[in-house]
Structure formats: structure tokens, C-alpha cells
Protein backbone atom coordinates (compact mmCIF):
# COMPACT_ATOMS: atom_id res chain seq x y z
CA MET A 1 -0.01 0.10 0.26
CA LYS A 2 2.90 2.28 0.82
CA ARG A 3 4.60 1.38 -2.51
CA LEU A 4 1.11 2.44 -4.11
CA MET A 5 1.00 5.61 -2.53
CA LYS A 6 4.39 7.07 -3.48
CA LEU A 7 3.33 5.37 -6.91
CA LEU A 8 0.54 8.44 -6.81
CA VAL A 9 2.29 10.97 -5.50
CA LEU A 10 5.64 10.52 -8.10
CA SER A 11 2.57 10.68 -9.99
CA LEU A 12 1.32 13.55 -8.95
CA VAL A 13 4.10 15.44 -8.87
CA ALA A 14 5.19 14.45 -12.53
CA MET A 15 1.91 15.81 -13.78
CA GLY A 16 2.25 19.07 -11.66
CA ALA A 17 5.58 19.13 -12.93
CA ALA A 18 4.47 18.83 -16.99
CA THR A 19 1.28 21.38 -16.69
CA GLY A 20 3.82 23.60 -14.88
CA CYS A 21 5.85 23.72 -18.01
CA ASN A 22 3.28 23.84 -19.59
CA GLU A 23 2.06 27.24 -17.86
CA LYS A 24 5.39 28.51 -18.54
CA GLN A 25 5.63 28.29 -22.46
CA ASP A 26 2.06 29.49 -22.73
CA LYS A 27 3.65 32.81 -20.79
CA GLN A 28 6.41 32.81 -22.83
CA PRO A 29 6.27 35.84 -25.68
CA ALA A 30 5.11 34.62 -28.90
CA VAL A 31 8.06 34.50 -31.67
CA SER A 32 6.54 36.85 -34.65
CA LYS A 33 7.07 35.25 -38.09
CA PRO A 34 9.17 36.74 -40.80
CA LYS A 35 6.70 39.38 -42.97
CA LEU A 36 7.01 38.26 -46.64
CA VAL A 37 7.95 41.47 -48.52
CA LYS A 38 6.28 41.71 -51.63
CA ALA A 39 9.09 42.38 -54.57
CA ALA A 40 8.73 45.36 -56.78
CA SER A 41 7.89 44.41 -60.65
CA VAL A 42 9.99 46.06 -63.45
CA VAL A 43 8.00 46.52 -66.54
CA VAL A 44 10.64 45.39 -70.07
CA VAL A 45 9.52 45.91 -73.61
CA PRO A 46 11.78 44.36 -75.79
CA ASP A 47 13.65 45.94 -79.10
CA SER A 48 11.13 43.57 -81.18
CA VAL A 49 8.29 45.55 -79.22
CA LYS A 50 10.46 49.66 -78.72
CA GLY A 51 8.55 51.45 -81.36
CA LYS A 52 6.39 49.24 -83.25
CA TRP A 53 3.22 50.90 -81.15
CA LYS A 54 1.93 54.20 -81.53
CA ALA A 55 -1.39 54.36 -79.14
CA VAL A 56 -4.27 51.82 -77.34
CA LYS A 57 -7.95 52.19 -77.36
CA VAL A 58 -9.19 51.92 -73.85
CA ALA A 59 -13.20 51.82 -73.30
CA VAL A 60 -14.65 54.52 -70.72
CA ALA A 61 -18.00 53.36 -69.28
CA ASP A 62 -19.81 55.97 -67.08
CA LYS A 63 -21.51 54.07 -64.79
CA ASN A 64 -23.93 56.56 -63.45
CA ALA A 65 -24.58 58.10 -67.41
CA LYS A 66 -24.56 54.11 -68.34
CA GLN A 67 -22.96 55.43 -71.39
CA GLN A 68 -19.32 54.15 -72.80
CA GLN A 69 -16.68 55.99 -75.37
CA VAL A 70 -13.94 54.96 -77.15
CA TYR A 71 -10.93 56.80 -76.77
CA THR A 72 -7.14 56.63 -78.18
CA ILE A 73 -4.80 57.87 -76.45
CA GLU A 74 -0.64 57.52 -77.25
CA ILE A 75 1.58 55.42 -75.23
CA GLY A 76 4.21 57.95 -73.04
CA ALA A 77 0.43 59.94 -73.11
CA GLU A 78 -1.72 61.51 -70.78
CA PHE A 79 -5.30 61.73 -71.93
CA LYS A 80 -8.05 63.97 -69.32
CA LEU A 81 -11.38 62.44 -69.50
CA PRO A 82 -14.12 65.24 -70.43
CA ALA A 83 -16.00 66.57 -68.13
CA SER A 84 -14.50 64.98 -64.73
CA ASP A 85 -10.77 65.43 -62.71
CA ILE A 86 -9.68 61.64 -63.99
CA THR A 87 -6.78 62.13 -65.98
CA VAL A 88 -4.63 58.74 -67.99
CA GLN A 89 -1.86 57.55 -68.36
CA VAL A 90 -0.65 54.60 -71.03
CA GLU A 91 3.12 54.11 -69.51
CA ASN A 92 3.76 50.99 -72.05
CA PHE A 93 1.89 48.38 -74.35
CA LEU A 94 2.96 44.58 -74.33
CA PRO A 95 1.73 43.04 -77.29
CA HIS A 96 2.86 39.06 -75.66
CA PHE A 97 2.17 39.86 -72.21
CA VAL A 98 4.29 37.48 -70.10
CA MET A 99 5.22 37.76 -66.63
CA GLU A 100 8.93 36.09 -66.27
CA GLY A 101 9.52 35.88 -61.94
CA THR A 102 9.54 39.83 -60.71
CA THR A 103 10.17 40.73 -64.48
CA LEU A 104 6.81 42.05 -66.66
CA THR A 105 8.03 41.51 -70.77
CA SER A 106 6.74 40.76 -74.01
CA GLN A 107 7.46 37.74 -75.62
CA SER A 108 7.16 38.23 -78.96
CA ASN A 109 5.24 41.23 -81.53
CA GLU A 110 2.75 39.57 -81.65
CA LEU A 111 -0.82 39.72 -80.58
CA VAL A 112 -1.46 36.87 -78.01
CA ASN A 113 -1.49 38.90 -75.18
CA PRO A 114 -2.13 42.59 -75.25
CA ALA A 115 -2.09 45.08 -72.71
CA ALA A 116 -1.01 48.27 -71.56
CA GLN A 117 0.09 49.17 -68.37
CA LEU A 118 -1.83 52.29 -66.81
CA SER A 119 -1.72 55.11 -64.27
CA ILE A 120 -5.14 56.75 -63.39
CA ARG A 121 -4.74 59.79 -61.15
CA GLU A 122 -8.60 61.92 -59.52
CA GLY A 123 -7.33 65.15 -58.45
CA GLY A 124 -3.81 64.82 -59.55
CA GLN A 125 -3.16 61.58 -56.75
CA GLU A 126 -2.79 58.86 -58.47
CA ILE A 127 -5.88 55.69 -57.44
CA TYR A 128 -4.50 53.48 -59.72
CA ARG A 129 -1.86 51.94 -61.50
CA GLY A 130 -1.35 48.59 -62.80
CA TRP A 131 -2.83 46.55 -66.56
CA LEU A 132 -5.76 46.33 -68.28
CA PHE A 133 -5.95 43.29 -70.30
CA SER A 134 -8.12 42.52 -73.82
CA LEU A 135 -8.50 39.06 -73.30
CA TYR A 136 -9.06 39.04 -70.16
CA PRO A 137 -10.82 42.39 -69.34
CA THR A 138 -11.55 42.00 -64.97
CA THR A 139 -8.36 40.09 -64.67
CA HIS A 140 -7.01 43.23 -61.99
CA ALA A 141 -10.09 45.32 -63.46
CA PHE A 142 -9.70 48.36 -62.47
CA GLN A 143 -12.78 49.72 -59.82
CA HIS A 144 -13.98 52.77 -59.77
CA PRO A 145 -17.57 54.14 -58.54
CA GLN A 146 -18.02 55.81 -61.87
CA TYR A 147 -16.34 55.05 -64.42
CA GLY A 148 -14.96 50.94 -65.81
CA PHE A 149 -11.65 51.01 -68.05
CA THR A 150 -11.29 48.49 -70.53
CA LEU A 151 -8.29 47.73 -73.46
CA VAL A 152 -10.64 47.32 -76.64
CA ASP A 153 -7.69 47.83 -79.52
CA TYR A 154 -3.95 49.13 -80.32
CA LEU A 155 -2.29 51.35 -83.22
CA SER A 156 0.86 49.89 -84.36
CA ALA A 157 3.26 52.79 -85.34
CA SER A 158 3.50 52.06 -89.23
């Protein structure tokens, strides 16, 4: 019987020590996980594409007026949307858009996956910087309360 009591006491002490260890572990400060930093994308326009495209056509839908107008905007140029405080600049056009790691480029000068990089400002503040894809108009589509933007055509330089 004494032996059984000793085993019971030792078991309780061991359980208490184990519980105490767990409590100490719970009180330890949590180790923070490293934060992932998104690498910046780089746009590379290949020599086979440079200077080959003059402009893009962007359809702008006015959701309030339920109207759509197509505007031709030269690559590198800014365009002020009539009757608004919005300015659209076409920064780049890639006829065969591909993403290779953090590099955005064109695999060829063929119209395989046409994409235009835009910067949109409202009241002088940039509200969007991204891409419009003619084959996939809803991919990464810019959301504005009044206007919708879609890449609909492209004009070659020749």
C-alpha cells in the first residue's frame, strides 16, 4: 500500500511539473513570423516591341450615365477624361504580355496577350497603377465608383 501511495504521489508531482512547464511555455512571448515583402515588378519592353506601337484604345464606361466612349491614347501620353477630374496615362503596351518572376515583358511582337499599363489619377492623386488586358478584361480590373476601363484596341506605329 505504501508503494502504491508513493507511485501516486510521484505521478501527481510529475503531472504538476509537466503542467507547470506548459504554463511557462504559454507565458513565453510569441515569436513573430517574418513578414513577407513583395518584390517590385519590373517592366521590360523588348527591342522587338519598342517603337512598334503608337497608341491604345480604351473604352471608358460611365456607370452613372450608362454610356461608353472609346478614347485613343498614345503610349506615354496623358489623357484627361472629359467632364471629370480623371487623367489616364498609358505607360507601356506589351502585345504578348508574360510574367517571368518579377519581370513583366512581351514574349514577341505578336498580339497574343495584349496588355496596357495605365496610371490613373483623380484630383492629381494616383488612384490606380496596373494593367488592362484585352483578352481578360476582368483580370485585375480597376474598380472605380463611376468609371470602368477596358482595353479594346491598339494602333501600330506604321
